[in-house]
Amino acid sequence: MIGQKSNSLFGWRLCAVLVMAALIVASLFLPPKLEQLRTGHWEVEHFLAYFAAVPIICLGWPRPFLVAMSLIPVAALLEVLQCLKPDHSPNFLAALSSIGGVLAGALLASFLIRAWHLQYASRGRNTLVGTSADGSAT
């Protein structure tokens, strides 16, 4: 049982690393042809990218606010590093949009983790007192 949990956690952490790699590639190495496919609402794109990434990362590291405190400097650094590309420029509002997405994603992940723990705890309580999950006696 411990080996299965360890393998599952490794899988989620690998997924989290891949999400971070995708954020870095999208931030710094996206070819100009692919950038033309963007919506034009870069603030929303930054927000949604980090909003989606944080809960996925929290599947591997279930500490949402620790993940957020780690991603906030990463988001700001990725925005600053865009000055190294001649066709990009760092934008303070883009960094704020990214940070807002990180914080909102951390709140969502925190809520989901707490809801999962409450559901798991209520199932455990029912089985401890001799009832099944549907409330019938065992």
Protein backbone atom coordinates (compact mmCIF):
# COMPACT_ATOMS: atom_id res chain seq x y z
CA MET A 1 0.00 0.00 0.00
CA ILE A 2 2.81 2.41 0.83
CA GLY A 3 4.49 1.68 -2.50
CA GLN A 4 1.29 2.49 -4.39
CA LYS A 5 0.91 5.81 -2.59
CA SER A 6 4.55 6.63 -3.30
CA ASN A 7 4.16 5.82 -7.01
CA SER A 8 0.98 7.89 -7.20
CA LEU A 9 2.66 10.84 -5.51
CA PHE A 10 5.63 10.52 -7.84
CA GLY A 11 3.24 10.63 -10.82
CA TRP A 12 1.53 13.78 -9.56
CA ARG A 13 4.85 15.44 -8.82
CA LEU A 14 6.09 14.57 -12.30
CA CYS A 15 2.90 16.12 -13.69
CA ALA A 16 3.57 19.25 -11.60
CA VAL A 17 7.11 19.52 -12.98
CA LEU A 18 5.75 19.19 -16.52
CA VAL A 19 3.22 21.98 -15.84
CA MET A 20 6.05 24.22 -14.61
CA ALA A 21 8.06 23.38 -17.72
CA ALA A 22 5.07 24.28 -19.89
CA LEU A 23 4.75 27.64 -18.11
CA ILE A 24 8.42 28.38 -18.67
CA VAL A 25 8.32 27.38 -22.33
CA ALA A 26 5.15 29.40 -22.92
CA SER A 27 6.70 32.41 -21.18
CA LEU A 28 10.13 32.45 -22.71
CA PHE A 29 10.46 30.17 -25.70
CA LEU A 30 7.14 30.35 -27.55
CA PRO A 31 7.80 30.88 -31.28
CA PRO A 32 6.32 34.04 -32.82
CA LYS A 33 3.99 31.98 -35.05
CA LEU A 34 2.37 30.40 -31.99
CA GLU A 35 2.13 33.75 -30.24
CA GLN A 36 -0.06 35.00 -33.08
CA LEU A 37 -2.65 32.40 -32.05
CA ARG A 38 -3.20 34.12 -28.72
CA THR A 39 -6.49 35.79 -27.85
CA GLY A 40 -5.16 39.31 -27.43
CA HIS A 41 -6.28 39.43 -23.81
CA TRP A 42 -2.90 38.75 -22.28
CA GLU A 43 -4.05 39.67 -18.75
CA VAL A 44 -6.67 36.91 -18.80
CA GLU A 45 -4.23 34.47 -20.40
CA HIS A 46 -1.64 35.04 -17.66
CA PHE A 47 -4.26 34.74 -14.92
CA LEU A 48 -5.80 31.54 -16.32
CA ALA A 49 -2.46 29.86 -16.96
CA TYR A 50 -1.38 30.19 -13.33
CA PHE A 51 -4.92 29.62 -12.01
CA ALA A 52 -4.94 26.24 -13.78
CA ALA A 53 -1.32 25.38 -12.91
CA VAL A 54 -1.54 25.82 -9.13
CA PRO A 55 -4.20 23.15 -8.42
CA ILE A 56 -2.33 20.70 -10.68
CA ILE A 57 0.92 21.37 -8.83
CA CYS A 58 -0.94 20.97 -5.52
CA LEU A 59 -1.81 17.39 -6.50
CA GLY A 60 1.88 16.61 -6.03
CA TRP A 61 2.59 19.05 -3.21
CA PRO A 62 -0.66 19.50 -1.24
CA ARG A 63 0.36 22.73 0.49
CA PRO A 64 -1.39 25.39 -1.63
CA PHE A 65 0.00 28.47 0.06
CA LEU A 66 3.54 27.10 0.12
CA VAL A 67 3.15 26.37 -3.60
CA ALA A 68 1.83 29.92 -4.08
CA MET A 69 4.72 31.46 -2.17
CA SER A 70 7.08 29.52 -4.42
CA LEU A 71 5.31 30.43 -7.66
CA ILE A 72 4.92 34.16 -7.04
CA PRO A 73 8.67 34.86 -7.45
CA VAL A 74 8.78 32.44 -10.39
CA ALA A 75 5.95 34.32 -12.12
CA ALA A 76 7.67 37.66 -11.55
CA LEU A 77 11.04 36.30 -12.68
CA LEU A 78 9.58 34.83 -15.87
CA GLU A 79 8.08 38.21 -16.67
CA VAL A 80 11.38 40.00 -16.03
CA LEU A 81 13.31 37.47 -18.13
CA GLN A 82 11.21 38.40 -21.14
CA CYS A 83 13.43 41.46 -21.56
CA LEU A 84 16.11 39.07 -22.87
CA LYS A 85 14.07 38.41 -26.02
CA PRO A 86 14.14 41.22 -28.57
CA ASP A 87 10.45 40.87 -29.49
CA HIS A 88 9.22 40.87 -25.86
CA SER A 89 9.17 43.33 -23.04
CA PRO A 90 8.42 42.76 -19.38
CA ASN A 91 5.09 44.12 -18.24
CA PHE A 92 4.23 44.88 -14.62
CA LEU A 93 0.51 44.27 -15.18
CA ALA A 94 1.27 40.86 -16.71
CA ALA A 95 3.23 39.96 -13.58
CA LEU A 96 0.32 41.11 -11.40
CA SER A 97 -2.11 39.06 -13.49
CA SER A 98 0.11 36.01 -13.05
CA ILE A 99 0.39 36.58 -9.31
CA GLY A 100 -3.39 37.01 -9.07
CA GLY A 101 -3.83 33.69 -10.86
CA VAL A 102 -1.40 32.03 -8.44
CA LEU A 103 -3.28 33.35 -5.41
CA ALA A 104 -6.72 32.48 -6.79
CA GLY A 105 -5.49 29.01 -7.75
CA ALA A 106 -4.07 28.53 -4.26
CA LEU A 107 -7.43 29.48 -2.73
CA LEU A 108 -9.22 27.04 -5.02
CA ALA A 109 -6.73 24.26 -4.26
CA SER A 110 -6.99 24.94 -0.52
CA PHE A 111 -10.77 24.74 -0.68
CA LEU A 112 -10.67 21.50 -2.69
CA ILE A 113 -8.13 19.89 -0.36
CA ARG A 114 -10.18 20.84 2.71
CA ALA A 115 -13.38 19.54 1.12
CA TRP A 116 -11.66 16.28 0.24
CA HIS A 117 -10.32 15.90 3.79
CA LEU A 118 -13.75 16.60 5.29
CA GLN A 119 -15.37 14.06 3.00
CA TYR A 120 -12.68 11.50 3.77
CA ALA A 121 -12.97 12.14 7.53
CA SER A 122 -16.75 11.76 7.49
CA ARG A 123 -16.44 8.42 5.71
CA GLY A 124 -13.88 7.27 8.23
CA ARG A 125 -16.11 8.26 11.16
CA ASN A 126 -19.05 6.31 9.73
CA THR A 127 -17.02 3.16 9.34
CA LEU A 128 -15.53 3.48 12.83
CA VAL A 129 -18.92 3.53 14.56
CA GLY A 130 -20.18 0.54 12.65
CA THR A 131 -22.12 2.15 9.81
CA SER A 132 -21.43 2.14 6.12
CA ALA A 133 -21.17 5.23 3.97
CA ASP A 134 -24.92 5.15 3.19
CA GLY A 135 -25.81 5.18 6.90
CA SER A 136 -26.95 1.58 7.26
CA ALA A 137 -25.70 -0.53 10.16
CA THR A 138 -22.93 -3.01 9.45
